[in-house]
PDB file of N, CA and C in Angstrom:
ATOM      1  N   MET A   1     133.633 109.575  93.113  1.00  0.00           N
ATOM      2  CA  MET A   1     133.589 110.974  92.787  1.00  0.00           C
ATOM      3  C   MET A   1     133.036 111.739  93.995  1.00  0.00           C
ATOM      4  N   THR A   2     133.554 112.890  94.231  1.00  0.00           N
ATOM      5  CA  THR A   2     133.173 113.694  95.383  1.00  0.00           C
ATOM      6  C   THR A   2     131.883 114.455  95.097  1.00  0.00           C
ATOM      7  N   ALA A   3     131.029 114.564  96.101  1.00  0.00           N
ATOM      8  CA  ALA A   3     129.782 115.311  95.961  1.00  0.00           C
ATOM      9  C   ALA A   3     130.030 116.791  96.197  1.00  0.00           C
ATOM     10  N   LYS A   4     129.079 117.597  95.768  1.00  0.00           N
ATOM     11  CA  LYS A   4     129.173 119.032  95.987  1.00  0.00           C
ATOM     12  C   LYS A   4     129.214 119.317  97.485  1.00  0.00           C
ATOM     13  N   ARG A   5     130.058 120.232  97.868  1.00  0.00           N
ATOM     14  CA  ARG A   5     130.270 120.551  99.283  1.00  0.00           C
ATOM     15  C   ARG A   5     129.093 121.379  99.822  1.00  0.00           C
ATOM     16  N   ASN A   6     128.578 120.988 100.972  1.00  0.00           N
ATOM     17  CA  ASN A   6     127.527 121.744 101.646  1.00  0.00           C
ATOM     18  C   ASN A   6     128.131 122.502 102.814  1.00  0.00           C
ATOM     19  N   PHE A   7     127.907 123.788 102.846  1.00  0.00           N
ATOM     20  CA  PHE A   7     128.390 124.611 103.939  1.00  0.00           C
ATOM     21  C   PHE A   7     127.266 124.779 104.946  1.00  0.00           C
ATOM     22  N   VAL A   8     127.580 124.595 106.219  1.00  0.00           N
ATOM     23  CA  VAL A   8     126.590 124.743 107.275  1.00  0.00           C
ATOM     24  C   VAL A   8     127.121 125.756 108.284  1.00  0.00           C
ATOM     25  N   ILE A   9     126.379 126.830 108.459  1.00  0.00           N
ATOM     26  CA  ILE A   9     126.742 127.848 109.436  1.00  0.00           C
ATOM     27  C   ILE A   9     125.689 127.814 110.534  1.00  0.00           C
ATOM     28  N   GLN A  10     126.131 127.564 111.739  1.00  0.00           N
ATOM     29  CA  GLN A  10     125.212 127.537 112.866  1.00  0.00           C
ATOM     30  C   GLN A  10     125.403 128.811 113.675  1.00  0.00           C
ATOM     31  N   THR A  11     124.309 129.481 113.925  1.00  0.00           N
ATOM     32  CA  THR A  11     124.381 130.703 114.723  1.00  0.00           C
ATOM     33  C   THR A  11     123.935 130.391 116.141  1.00  0.00           C
ATOM     34  N   PRO A  12     124.627 130.932 117.112  1.00  0.00           N
ATOM     35  CA  PRO A  12     124.249 130.663 118.503  1.00  0.00           C
ATOM     36  C   PRO A  12     122.946 131.376 118.865  1.00  0.00           C
ATOM     37  N   ARG A  13     122.369 130.943 119.959  1.00  0.00           N
ATOM     38  CA  ARG A  13     121.170 131.622 120.461  1.00  0.00           C
ATOM     39  C   ARG A  13     121.549 133.002 120.938  1.00  0.00           C
ATOM     40  N   GLY A  14     120.572 133.852 121.069  1.00  0.00           N
ATOM     41  CA  GLY A  14     120.820 135.193 121.595  1.00  0.00           C
ATOM     42  C   GLY A  14     121.262 135.139 123.052  1.00  0.00           C
ATOM     43  N   SER A  15     121.882 136.223 123.488  1.00  0.00           N
ATOM     44  CA  SER A  15     122.380 136.291 124.863  1.00  0.00           C
ATOM     45  C   SER A  15     122.000 137.623 125.480  1.00  0.00           C
ATOM     46  N   ILE A  16     121.802 137.602 126.771  1.00  0.00           N
ATOM     47  CA  ILE A  16     121.526 138.830 127.507  1.00  0.00           C
ATOM     48  C   ILE A  16     122.660 139.019 128.504  1.00  0.00           C
ATOM     49  N   TYR A  17     123.268 140.180 128.454  1.00  0.00           N
ATOM     50  CA  TYR A  17     124.369 140.513 129.359  1.00  0.00           C
ATOM     51  C   TYR A  17     123.928 141.652 130.265  1.00  0.00           C
ATOM     52  N   THR A  18     124.179 141.504 131.531  1.00  0.00           N
ATOM     53  CA  THR A  18     123.844 142.542 132.501  1.00  0.00           C
ATOM     54  C   THR A  18     125.108 142.885 133.286  1.00  0.00           C
ATOM     55  N   VAL A  19     125.370 144.180 133.372  1.00  0.00           N
ATOM     56  CA  VAL A  19     126.541 144.654 134.110  1.00  0.00           C
ATOM     57  C   VAL A  19     126.059 145.696 135.115  1.00  0.00           C
ATOM     58  N   LYS A  20     126.476 145.529 136.355  1.00  0.00           N
ATOM     59  CA  LYS A  20     126.125 146.513 137.388  1.00  0.00           C
ATOM     60  C   LYS A  20     127.285 147.483 137.532  1.00  0.00           C
ATOM     61  N   THR A  21     126.952 148.747 137.496  1.00  0.00           N
ATOM     62  CA  THR A  21     127.958 149.796 137.682  1.00  0.00           C
ATOM     63  C   THR A  21     127.551 150.664 138.863  1.00  0.00           C
ATOM     64  N   ALA A  22     128.373 151.640 139.180  1.00  0.00           N
ATOM     65  CA  ALA A  22     128.063 152.545 140.294  1.00  0.00           C
ATOM     66  C   ALA A  22     126.829 153.391 139.989  1.00  0.00           C
ATOM     67  N   ASN A  23     126.555 153.633 138.716  1.00  0.00           N
ATOM     68  CA  ASN A  23     125.412 154.456 138.323  1.00  0.00           C
ATOM     69  C   ASN A  23     124.157 153.652 138.019  1.00  0.00           C
ATOM     70  N   GLY A  24     124.201 152.352 138.151  1.00  0.00           N
ATOM     71  CA  GLY A  24     123.019 151.537 137.874  1.00  0.00           C
ATOM     72  C   GLY A  24     123.385 150.260 137.136  1.00  0.00           C
ATOM     73  N   THR A  25     122.393 149.704 136.463  1.00  0.00           N
ATOM     74  CA  THR A  25     122.567 148.444 135.747  1.00  0.00           C
ATOM     75  C   THR A  25     122.418 148.688 134.248  1.00  0.00           C
ATOM     76  N   VAL A  26     123.301 148.061 133.479  1.00  0.00           N
ATOM     77  CA  VAL A  26     123.234 148.137 132.016  1.00  0.00           C
ATOM     78  C   VAL A  26     122.957 146.734 131.499  1.00  0.00           C
ATOM     79  N   THR A  27     121.935 146.621 130.661  1.00  0.00           N
ATOM     80  CA  THR A  27     121.569 145.336 130.081  1.00  0.00           C
ATOM     81  C   THR A  27     121.681 145.426 128.562  1.00  0.00           C
ATOM     82  N   ALA A  28     122.318 144.447 127.967  1.00  0.00           N
ATOM     83  CA  ALA A  28     122.441 144.379 126.514  1.00  0.00           C
ATOM     84  C   ALA A  28     121.932 143.025 126.042  1.00  0.00           C
ATOM     85  N   LYS A  29     121.155 143.037 124.973  1.00  0.00           N
ATOM     86  CA  LYS A  29     120.630 141.804 124.399  1.00  0.00           C
ATOM     87  C   LYS A  29     121.247 141.640 123.012  1.00  0.00           C
ATOM     88  N   MET A  30     121.877 140.487 122.780  1.00  0.00           N
ATOM     89  CA  MET A  30     122.504 140.207 121.491  1.00  0.00           C
ATOM     90  C   MET A  30     121.733 139.094 120.795  1.00  0.00           C
ATOM     91  N   GLU A  31     121.336 139.356 119.539  1.00  0.00           N
ATOM     92  CA  GLU A  31     120.622 138.362 118.744  1.00  0.00           C
ATOM     93  C   GLU A  31     121.254 138.290 117.358  1.00  0.00           C
ATOM     94  N   TRP A  32     121.293 137.094 116.800  1.00  0.00           N
ATOM     95  CA  TRP A  32     121.795 136.919 115.447  1.00  0.00           C
ATOM     96  C   TRP A  32     120.691 137.245 114.455  1.00  0.00           C
ATOM     97  N   ASN A  33     121.080 137.797 113.334  1.00  0.00           N
ATOM     98  CA  ASN A  33     120.152 138.033 112.243  1.00  0.00           C
ATOM     99  C   ASN A  33     119.661 136.676 111.735  1.00  0.00           C
ATOM    100  N   GLN A  34     118.360 136.483 111.625  1.00  0.00           N
ATOM    101  CA  GLN A  34     117.803 135.178 111.266  1.00  0.00           C
ATOM    102  C   GLN A  34     118.224 134.710 109.873  1.00  0.00           C
ATOM    103  N   GLY A  35     118.429 135.616 108.936  1.00  0.00           N
ATOM    104  CA  GLY A  35     118.794 135.220 107.575  1.00  0.00           C
ATOM    105  C   GLY A  35     120.287 135.109 107.336  1.00  0.00           C
ATOM    106  N   PHE A  36     121.095 135.352 108.363  1.00  0.00           N
ATOM    107  CA  PHE A  36     122.554 135.372 108.197  1.00  0.00           C
ATOM    108  C   PHE A  36     123.100 134.058 107.655  1.00  0.00           C
ATOM    109  N   SER A  37     122.772 132.951 108.306  1.00  0.00           N
ATOM    110  CA  SER A  37     123.380 131.677 107.927  1.00  0.00           C
ATOM    111  C   SER A  37     122.973 131.250 106.523  1.00  0.00           C
ATOM    112  N   GLY A  38     121.729 131.431 106.154  1.00  0.00           N
ATOM    113  CA  GLY A  38     121.275 131.045 104.817  1.00  0.00           C
ATOM    114  C   GLY A  38     121.983 131.812 103.720  1.00  0.00           C
ATOM    115  N   ARG A  39     122.126 133.124 103.906  1.00  0.00           N
ATOM    116  CA  ARG A  39     122.809 133.952 102.906  1.00  0.00           C
ATOM    117  C   ARG A  39     124.280 133.568 102.796  1.00  0.00           C
ATOM    118  N   ARG A  40     124.924 133.377 103.922  1.00  0.00           N
ATOM    119  CA  ARG A  40     126.351 133.049 103.902  1.00  0.00           C
ATOM    120  C   ARG A  40     126.602 131.654 103.338  1.00  0.00           C
ATOM    121  N   GLU A  41     125.757 130.692 103.677  1.00  0.00           N
ATOM    122  CA  GLU A  41     125.925 129.337 103.136  1.00  0.00           C
ATOM    123  C   GLU A  41     125.826 129.363 101.615  1.00  0.00           C
ATOM    124  N   ALA A  42     124.836 130.075 101.093  1.00  0.00           N
ATOM    125  CA  ALA A  42     124.673 130.171  99.642  1.00  0.00           C
ATOM    126  C   ALA A  42     125.868 130.873  99.006  1.00  0.00           C
ATOM    127  N   GLY A  43     126.348 131.932  99.636  1.00  0.00           N
ATOM    128  CA  GLY A  43     127.504 132.655  99.106  1.00  0.00           C
ATOM    129  C   GLY A  43     128.759 131.803  99.097  1.00  0.00           C
ATOM    130  N   PHE A  44     128.975 131.033 100.161  1.00  0.00           N
ATOM    131  CA  PHE A  44     130.154 130.163 100.219  1.00  0.00           C
ATOM    132  C   PHE A  44     130.074 129.058  99.166  1.00  0.00           C
ATOM    133  N   SER A  45     128.883 128.512  98.930  1.00  0.00           N
ATOM    134  CA  SER A  45     128.721 127.488  97.899  1.00  0.00           C
ATOM    135  C   SER A  45     129.022 128.049  96.516  1.00  0.00           C
ATOM    136  N   LYS A  46     128.528 129.252  96.239  1.00  0.00           N
ATOM    137  CA  LYS A  46     128.818 129.890  94.948  1.00  0.00           C
ATOM    138  C   LYS A  46     130.313 130.183  94.809  1.00  0.00           C
ATOM    139  N   ALA A  47     130.938 130.624  95.888  1.00  0.00           N
ATOM    140  CA  ALA A  47     132.367 130.912  95.850  1.00  0.00           C
ATOM    141  C   ALA A  47     133.166 129.638  95.586  1.00  0.00           C
ATOM    142  N   GLN A  48     132.783 128.517  96.191  1.00  0.00           N
ATOM    143  CA  GLN A  48     133.493 127.258  95.956  1.00  0.00           C
ATOM    144  C   GLN A  48     133.344 126.812  94.509  1.00  0.00           C
ATOM    145  N   GLY A  49     132.145 126.969  93.956  1.00  0.00           N
ATOM    146  CA  GLY A  49     131.934 126.635  92.544  1.00  0.00           C
ATOM    147  C   GLY A  49     132.783 127.503  91.635  1.00  0.00           C
ATOM    148  N   PHE A  50     132.880 128.785  91.959  1.00  0.00           N
ATOM    149  CA  PHE A  50     133.713 129.699  91.180  1.00  0.00           C
ATOM    150  C   PHE A  50     135.177 129.270  91.235  1.00  0.00           C
ATOM    151  N   ILE A  51     135.664 128.954  92.424  1.00  0.00           N
ATOM    152  CA  ILE A  51     137.067 128.550  92.584  1.00  0.00           C
ATOM    153  C   ILE A  51     137.355 127.288  91.772  1.00  0.00           C
ATOM    154  N   ASP A  52     136.483 126.295  91.863  1.00  0.00           N
ATOM    155  CA  ASP A  52     136.702 125.045  91.133  1.00  0.00           C
ATOM    156  C   ASP A  52     136.751 125.285  89.628  1.00  0.00           C
ATOM    157  N   SER A  53     135.765 125.990  89.102  1.00  0.00           N
ATOM    158  CA  SER A  53     135.716 126.200  87.648  1.00  0.00           C
ATOM    159  C   SER A  53     136.840 127.112  87.172  1.00  0.00           C
ATOM    160  N   GLU A  54     137.195 128.097  87.972  1.00  0.00           N
ATOM    161  CA  GLU A  54     138.278 129.005  87.594  1.00  0.00           C
ATOM    162  C   GLU A  54     139.628 128.283  87.611  1.00  0.00           C
ATOM    163  N   CYS A  55     139.837 127.406  88.556  1.00  0.00           N
ATOM    164  CA  CYS A  55     141.084 126.627  88.587  1.00  0.00           C
ATOM    165  C   CYS A  55     141.193 125.723  87.363  1.00  0.00           C
ATOM    166  N   ILE A  56     140.114 125.073  87.001  1.00  0.00           N
ATOM    167  CA  ILE A  56     140.139 124.216  85.809  1.00  0.00           C
ATOM    168  C   ILE A  56     140.419 125.047  84.566  1.00  0.00           C
ATOM    169  N   ARG A  57     139.760 126.193  84.452  1.00  0.00           N
ATOM    170  CA  ARG A  57     139.962 127.063  83.286  1.00  0.00           C
ATOM    171  C   ARG A  57     141.406 127.554  83.205  1.00  0.00           C
ATOM    172  N   ARG A  58     141.965 127.948  84.318  1.00  0.00           N
ATOM    173  CA  ARG A  58     143.316 128.507  84.314  1.00  0.00           C
ATOM    174  C   ARG A  58     144.409 127.435  84.282  1.00  0.00           C
ATOM    175  N   MET A  59     144.069 126.187  84.591  1.00  0.00           N
ATOM    176  CA  MET A  59     145.032 125.092  84.460  1.00  0.00           C
ATOM    177  C   MET A  59     145.207 124.689  83.000  1.00  0.00           C
ATOM    178  N   ASN A  60     144.234 124.985  82.167  1.00  0.00           N
ATOM    179  CA  ASN A  60     144.245 124.553  80.772  1.00  0.00           C
ATOM    180  C   ASN A  60     145.561 124.876  80.052  1.00  0.00           C
ATOM    181  N   PRO A  61     146.037 126.129  80.041  1.00  0.00           N
ATOM    182  CA  PRO A  61     147.296 126.393  79.320  1.00  0.00           C
ATOM    183  C   PRO A  61     148.526 125.767  79.980  1.00  0.00           C
ATOM    184  N   GLU A  62     148.430 125.447  81.264  1.00  0.00           N
ATOM    185  CA  GLU A  62     149.564 124.881  81.994  1.00  0.00           C
ATOM    186  C   GLU A  62     149.660 123.358  81.853  1.00  0.00           C
ATOM    187  N   THR A  63     148.558 122.717  81.446  1.00  0.00           N
ATOM    188  CA  THR A  63     148.485 121.256  81.395  1.00  0.00           C
ATOM    189  C   THR A  63     149.129 120.734  80.113  1.00  0.00           C
ATOM    190  N   PRO A  64     149.949 119.669  80.211  1.00  0.00           N
ATOM    191  CA  PRO A  64     150.530 119.087  78.996  1.00  0.00           C
ATOM    192  C   PRO A  64     149.428 118.583  78.069  1.00  0.00           C
ATOM    193  N   ARG A  65     149.636 118.765  76.771  1.00  0.00           N
ATOM    194  CA  ARG A  65     148.602 118.310  75.833  1.00  0.00           C
ATOM    195  C   ARG A  65     149.249 117.588  74.658  1.00  0.00           C
ATOM    196  N   LEU A  66     148.760 116.408  74.439  1.00  0.00           N
ATOM    197  CA  LEU A  66     149.118 115.679  73.237  1.00  0.00           C
ATOM    198  C   LEU A  66     147.843 115.526  72.415  1.00  0.00           C
ATOM    199  N   THR A  67     146.810 115.009  73.072  1.00  0.00           N
ATOM    200  CA  THR A  67     145.509 114.872  72.406  1.00  0.00           C
ATOM    201  C   THR A  67     144.445 115.748  73.053  1.00  0.00           C
ATOM    202  N   GLY A  68     144.706 116.304  74.224  1.00  0.00           N
ATOM    203  CA  GLY A  68     143.732 117.127  74.932  1.00  0.00           C
ATOM    204  C   GLY A  68     142.886 116.359  75.934  1.00  0.00           C
ATOM    205  N   VAL A  69     143.076 115.050  76.011  1.00  0.00           N
ATOM    206  CA  VAL A  69     142.274 114.229  76.924  1.00  0.00           C
ATOM    207  C   VAL A  69     142.578 114.564  78.378  1.00  0.00           C
ATOM    208  N   LEU A  70     143.822 114.849  78.693  1.00  0.00           N
ATOM    209  CA  LEU A  70     144.196 115.176  80.066  1.00  0.00           C
ATOM    210  C   LEU A  70     143.475 116.442  80.537  1.00  0.00           C
ATOM    211  N   ILE A  71     143.336 117.402  79.658  1.00  0.00           N
ATOM    212  CA  ILE A  71     142.634 118.649  79.988  1.00  0.00           C
ATOM    213  C   ILE A  71     141.148 118.379  80.192  1.00  0.00           C
ATOM    214  N   LYS A  72     140.552 117.616  79.287  1.00  0.00           N
ATOM    215  CA  LYS A  72     139.121 117.311  79.391  1.00  0.00           C
ATOM    216  C   LYS A  72     138.811 116.440  80.601  1.00  0.00           C
ATOM    217  N   SER A  73     139.795 115.656  81.046  1.00  0.00           N
ATOM    218  CA  SER A  73     139.543 114.776  82.181  1.00  0.00           C
ATOM    219  C   SER A  73     139.297 115.561  83.466  1.00  0.00           C
ATOM    220  N   ALA A  74     139.859 116.774  83.560  1.00  0.00           N
ATOM    221  CA  ALA A  74     139.593 117.606  84.739  1.00  0.00           C
ATOM    222  C   ALA A  74     138.137 118.049  84.756  1.00  0.00           C
ATOM    223  N   THR A  75     137.610 118.400  83.603  1.00  0.00           N
ATOM    224  CA  THR A  75     136.208 118.820  83.520  1.00  0.00           C
ATOM    225  C   THR A  75     135.270 117.646  83.777  1.00  0.00           C
ATOM    226  N   LEU A  76     135.599 116.498  83.215  1.00  0.00           N
ATOM    227  CA  LEU A  76     134.731 115.327  83.369  1.00  0.00           C
ATOM    228  C   LEU A  76     134.812 114.712  84.763  1.00  0.00           C
ATOM    229  N   GLY A  77     135.963 114.798  85.404  1.00  0.00           N
ATOM    230  CA  GLY A  77     136.150 114.139  86.688  1.00  0.00           C
ATOM    231  C   GLY A  77     135.857 114.997  87.901  1.00  0.00           C
ATOM    232  N   THR A  78     135.496 116.263  87.689  1.00  0.00           N
ATOM    233  CA  THR A  78     135.299 117.177  88.805  1.00  0.00           C
ATOM    234  C   THR A  78     133.831 117.533  88.967  1.00  0.00           C
ATOM    235  N   VAL A  79     133.359 117.488  90.187  1.00  0.00           N
ATOM    236  CA  VAL A  79     132.036 118.010  90.525  1.00  0.00           C
ATOM    237  C   VAL A  79     132.271 119.451  90.975  1.00  0.00           C
ATOM    238  N   ILE A  80     131.794 120.397  90.163  1.00  0.00           N
ATOM    239  CA  ILE A  80     132.004 121.806  90.471  1.00  0.00           C
ATOM    240  C   ILE A  80     131.304 122.130  91.787  1.00  0.00           C
ATOM    241  N   GLY A  81     132.046 122.709  92.715  1.00  0.00           N
ATOM    242  CA  GLY A  81     131.518 123.032  94.033  1.00  0.00           C
ATOM    243  C   GLY A  81     131.952 122.049  95.102  1.00  0.00           C
ATOM    244  N   SER A  82     132.682 120.999  94.718  1.00  0.00           N
ATOM    245  CA  SER A  82     133.103 119.988  95.684  1.00  0.00           C
ATOM    246  C   SER A  82     134.377 120.381  96.421  1.00  0.00           C
ATOM    247  N   GLY A  83     135.155 121.272  95.833  1.00  0.00           N
ATOM    248  CA  GLY A  83     136.420 121.647  96.440  1.00  0.00           C
ATOM    249  C   GLY A  83     137.567 120.745  96.035  1.00  0.00           C
ATOM    250  N   GLU A  84     137.325 119.821  95.119  1.00  0.00           N
ATOM    251  CA  GLU A  84     138.359 118.910  94.622  1.00  0.00           C
ATOM    252  C   GLU A  84     138.347 118.911  93.107  1.00  0.00           C
ATOM    253  N   ILE A  85     139.539 118.939  92.519  1.00  0.00           N
ATOM    254  CA  ILE A  85     139.670 118.805  91.068  1.00  0.00           C
ATOM    255  C   ILE A  85     140.286 117.445  90.812  1.00  0.00           C
ATOM    256  N   ASN A  86     139.562 116.621  90.072  1.00  0.00           N
ATOM    257  CA  ASN A  86     140.012 115.266  89.776  1.00  0.00           C
ATOM    258  C   ASN A  86     140.236 115.109  88.280  1.00  0.00           C
ATOM    259  N   GLN A  87     141.426 114.723  87.910  1.00  0.00           N
ATOM    260  CA  GLN A  87     141.716 114.379  86.520  1.00  0.00           C
ATOM    261  C   GLN A  87     141.702 112.865  86.442  1.00  0.00           C
ATOM    262  N   ILE A  88     140.786 112.336  85.644  1.00  0.00           N
ATOM    263  CA  ILE A  88     140.454 110.921  85.729  1.00  0.00           C
ATOM    264  C   ILE A  88     141.167 110.037  84.716  1.00  0.00           C
ATOM    265  N   THR A  89     142.130 110.558  83.989  1.00  0.00           N
ATOM    266  CA  THR A  89     142.879 109.692  83.085  1.00  0.00           C
ATOM    267  C   THR A  89     143.830 108.828  83.901  1.00  0.00           C
ATOM    268  N   PRO A  90     144.110 107.606  83.443  1.00  0.00           N
ATOM    269  CA  PRO A  90     144.983 106.724  84.213  1.00  0.00           C
ATOM    270  C   PRO A  90     146.419 107.232  84.332  1.00  0.00           C
ATOM    271  N   TYR A  91     146.831 108.085  83.429  1.00  0.00           N
ATOM    272  CA  TYR A  91     148.218 108.565  83.436  1.00  0.00           C
ATOM    273  C   TYR A  91     148.356 109.965  84.030  1.00  0.00           C
ATOM    274  N   ALA A  92     147.310 110.541  84.560  1.00  0.00           N
ATOM    275  CA  ALA A  92     147.344 111.926  85.057  1.00  0.00           C
ATOM    276  C   ALA A  92     148.357 112.099  86.187  1.00  0.00           C
ATOM    277  N   ARG A  93     148.372 111.194  87.134  1.00  0.00           N
ATOM    278  CA  ARG A  93     149.298 111.322  88.277  1.00  0.00           C
ATOM    279  C   ARG A  93     150.757 111.299  87.808  1.00  0.00           C
ATOM    280  N   ARG A  94     151.075 110.371  86.941  1.00  0.00           N
ATOM    281  CA  ARG A  94     152.459 110.287  86.469  1.00  0.00           C
ATOM    282  C   ARG A  94     152.851 111.545  85.693  1.00  0.00           C
ATOM    283  N   GLN A  95     151.966 112.016  84.839  1.00  0.00           N
ATOM    284  CA  GLN A  95     152.243 113.242  84.088  1.00  0.00           C
ATOM    285  C   GLN A  95     152.424 114.433  85.026  1.00  0.00           C
ATOM    286  N   TYR A  96     151.584 114.479  86.073  1.00  0.00           N
ATOM    287  CA  TYR A  96     151.632 115.612  86.998  1.00  0.00           C
ATOM    288  C   TYR A  96     152.986 115.710  87.703  1.00  0.00           C
ATOM    289  N   TYR A  97     153.536 114.591  88.092  1.00  0.00           N
ATOM    290  CA  TYR A  97     154.789 114.607  88.844  1.00  0.00           C
ATOM    291  C   TYR A  97     156.036 114.432  87.982  1.00  0.00           C
ATOM    292  N   GLU A  98     155.915 113.795  86.800  1.00  0.00           N
ATOM    293  CA  GLU A  98     157.115 113.426  86.062  1.00  0.00           C
ATOM    294  C   GLU A  98     157.273 114.070  84.692  1.00  0.00           C
ATOM    295  N   HIS A  99     156.318 114.888  84.239  1.00  0.00           N
ATOM    296  CA  HIS A  99     156.445 115.500  82.916  1.00  0.00           C
ATOM    297  C   HIS A  99     157.654 116.432  82.902  1.00  0.00           C
ATOM    298  N   LYS A 100     158.401 116.429  81.801  1.00  0.00           N
ATOM    299  CA  LYS A 100     159.668 117.177  81.758  1.00  0.00           C
ATOM    300  C   LYS A 100     159.475 118.685  81.806  1.00  0.00           C
ATOM    301  N   GLU A 101     158.579 119.237  80.998  1.00  0.00           N
ATOM    302  CA  GLU A 101     158.418 120.695  80.953  1.00  0.00           C
ATOM    303  C   GLU A 101     157.232 121.217  81.762  1.00  0.00           C
ATOM    304  N   LYS A 102     156.175 120.444  81.856  1.00  0.00           N
ATOM    305  CA  LYS A 102     154.944 120.970  82.442  1.00  0.00           C
ATOM    306  C   LYS A 102     154.453 120.168  83.647  1.00  0.00           C
ATOM    307  N   SER A 103     155.338 119.727  84.496  1.00  0.00           N
ATOM    308  CA  SER A 103     154.884 118.998  85.682  1.00  0.00           C
ATOM    309  C   SER A 103     154.268 119.968  86.691  1.00  0.00           C
ATOM    310  N   ARG A 104     153.467 119.435  87.574  1.00  0.00           N
ATOM    311  CA  ARG A 104     152.808 120.193  88.659  1.00  0.00           C
ATOM    312  C   ARG A 104     152.090 121.437  88.145  1.00  0.00           C
ATOM    313  N   TRP A 105     151.242 121.241  87.139  1.00  0.00           N
ATOM    314  CA  TRP A 105     150.559 122.370  86.505  1.00  0.00           C
ATOM    315  C   TRP A 105     149.593 123.077  87.440  1.00  0.00           C
ATOM    316  N   PHE A 106     148.991 122.361  88.380  1.00  0.00           N
ATOM    317  CA  PHE A 106     148.094 123.051  89.317  1.00  0.00           C
ATOM    318  C   PHE A 106     148.874 124.020  90.195  1.00  0.00           C
ATOM    319  N   GLU A 107     150.019 123.588  90.703  1.00  0.00           N
ATOM    320  CA  GLU A 107     150.837 124.453  91.556  1.00  0.00           C
ATOM    321  C   GLU A 107     151.316 125.687  90.797  1.00  0.00           C
ATOM    322  N   ARG A 108     151.725 125.497  89.545  1.00  0.00           N
ATOM    323  CA  ARG A 108     152.176 126.645  88.759  1.00  0.00           C
ATOM    324  C   ARG A 108     151.029 127.609  88.495  1.00  0.00           C
ATOM    325  N   MET A 109     149.841 127.072  88.177  1.00  0.00           N
ATOM    326  CA  MET A 109     148.662 127.913  87.967  1.00  0.00           C
ATOM    327  C   MET A 109     148.329 128.662  89.252  1.00  0.00           C
ATOM    328  N   LYS A 110     148.373 127.980  90.380  1.00  0.00           N
ATOM    329  CA  LYS A 110     148.036 128.607  91.662  1.00  0.00           C
ATOM    330  C   LYS A 110     148.997 129.742  91.983  1.00  0.00           C
ATOM    331  N   ASN A 111     150.276 129.546  91.741  1.00  0.00           N
ATOM    332  CA  ASN A 111     151.252 130.598  92.005  1.00  0.00           C
ATOM    333  C   ASN A 111     151.012 131.833  91.138  1.00  0.00           C
ATOM    334  N   ARG A 112     150.555 131.626  89.915  1.00  0.00           N
ATOM    335  CA  ARG A 112     150.325 132.759  89.006  1.00  0.00           C
ATOM    336  C   ARG A 112     148.999 133.470  89.247  1.00  0.00           C
ATOM    337  N   HIS A 113     147.953 132.729  89.591  1.00  0.00           N
ATOM    338  CA  HIS A 113     146.597 133.286  89.568  1.00  0.00           C
ATOM    339  C   HIS A 113     145.875 133.267  90.913  1.00  0.00           C
ATOM    340  N   LYS A 114     146.562 132.919  91.984  1.00  0.00           N
ATOM    341  CA  LYS A 114     145.917 132.778  93.294  1.00  0.00           C
ATOM    342  C   LYS A 114     145.181 134.043  93.712  1.00  0.00           C
ATOM    343  N   ASP A 115     145.816 135.191  93.579  1.00  0.00           N
ATOM    344  CA  ASP A 115     145.212 136.436  94.046  1.00  0.00           C
ATOM    345  C   ASP A 115     143.924 136.774  93.295  1.00  0.00           C
ATOM    346  N   SER A 116     143.920 136.619  91.982  1.00  0.00           N
ATOM    347  CA  SER A 116     142.715 136.958  91.222  1.00  0.00           C
ATOM    348  C   SER A 116     141.591 135.955  91.483  1.00  0.00           C
ATOM    349  N   ILE A 117     141.921 134.685  91.697  1.00  0.00           N
ATOM    350  CA  ILE A 117     140.885 133.692  92.016  1.00  0.00           C
ATOM    351  C   ILE A 117     140.276 133.991  93.378  1.00  0.00           C
ATOM    352  N   LEU A 118     141.108 134.311  94.358  1.00  0.00           N
ATOM    353  CA  LEU A 118     140.585 134.637  95.688  1.00  0.00           C
ATOM    354  C   LEU A 118     139.754 135.913  95.668  1.00  0.00           C
ATOM    355  N   LYS A 119     140.156 136.881  94.880  1.00  0.00           N
ATOM    356  CA  LYS A 119     139.392 138.129  94.771  1.00  0.00           C
ATOM    357  C   LYS A 119     138.008 137.864  94.178  1.00  0.00           C
ATOM    358  N   GLY A 120     137.950 137.030  93.149  1.00  0.00           N
ATOM    359  CA  GLY A 120     136.653 136.669  92.567  1.00  0.00           C
ATOM    360  C   GLY A 120     135.782 135.885  93.529  1.00  0.00           C
ATOM    361  N   ALA A 121     136.399 134.987  94.295  1.00  0.00           N
ATOM    362  CA  ALA A 121     135.637 134.181  95.268  1.00  0.00           C
ATOM    363  C   ALA A 121     135.074 135.076  96.364  1.00  0.00           C
ATOM    364  N   GLN A 122     135.829 136.111  96.759  1.00  0.00           N
ATOM    365  CA  GLN A 122     135.346 137.039  97.782  1.00  0.00           C
ATOM    366  C   GLN A 122     134.075 137.731  97.340  1.00  0.00           C
ATOM    367  N   GLN A 123     133.975 138.059  96.061  1.00  0.00           N
ATOM    368  CA  GLN A 123     132.777 138.726  95.565  1.00  0.00           C
ATOM    369  C   GLN A 123     131.565 137.796  95.681  1.00  0.00           C
ATOM    370  N   TYR A 124     131.755 136.510  95.419  1.00  0.00           N
ATOM    371  CA  TYR A 124     130.643 135.556  95.541  1.00  0.00           C
ATOM    372  C   TYR A 124     130.282 135.318  96.999  1.00  0.00           C
ATOM    373  N   ALA A 125     131.280 135.288  97.857  1.00  0.00           N
ATOM    374  CA  ALA A 125     131.035 135.003  99.283  1.00  0.00           C
ATOM    375  C   ALA A 125     130.477 136.213 100.024  1.00  0.00           C
ATOM    376  N   GLY A 126     130.531 137.367  99.399  1.00  0.00           N
ATOM    377  CA  GLY A 126     129.976 138.556 100.040  1.00  0.00           C
ATOM    378  C   GLY A 126     130.950 139.265 100.943  1.00  0.00           C
ATOM    379  N   GLY A 127     132.241 139.091 100.714  1.00  0.00           N
ATOM    380  CA  GLY A 127     133.221 139.713 101.570  1.00  0.00           C
ATOM    381  C   GLY A 127     134.011 140.671 100.867  1.00  0.00           C
TER     382      GLY A 127
END
């Protein structure tokens, strides 16, 4: 099973730029905000968790159901925030590719709901 994804943002050290012109010298100092990486890492982690749970929720009506085990296997087999959705039933792969009416349910869900999922993730990521 996949672990929750950790986002790491590394900010470069500050820089000093000096430019000589005909009227003198111009110096600019660039520094990164110290809290930038921590805030963004947390936002990206929340956004990934949102995407994972929203994909599972929206796959539900698209997934073939006889007993409902295939649907529940996505919830049980997925670590929210990992960036991977795992359906852990032994027949999930065959159903996904070979089911007559409802094959490739993730792709169909993604085509229908991609924009709204990305819009929600943007709110968590701070963008």
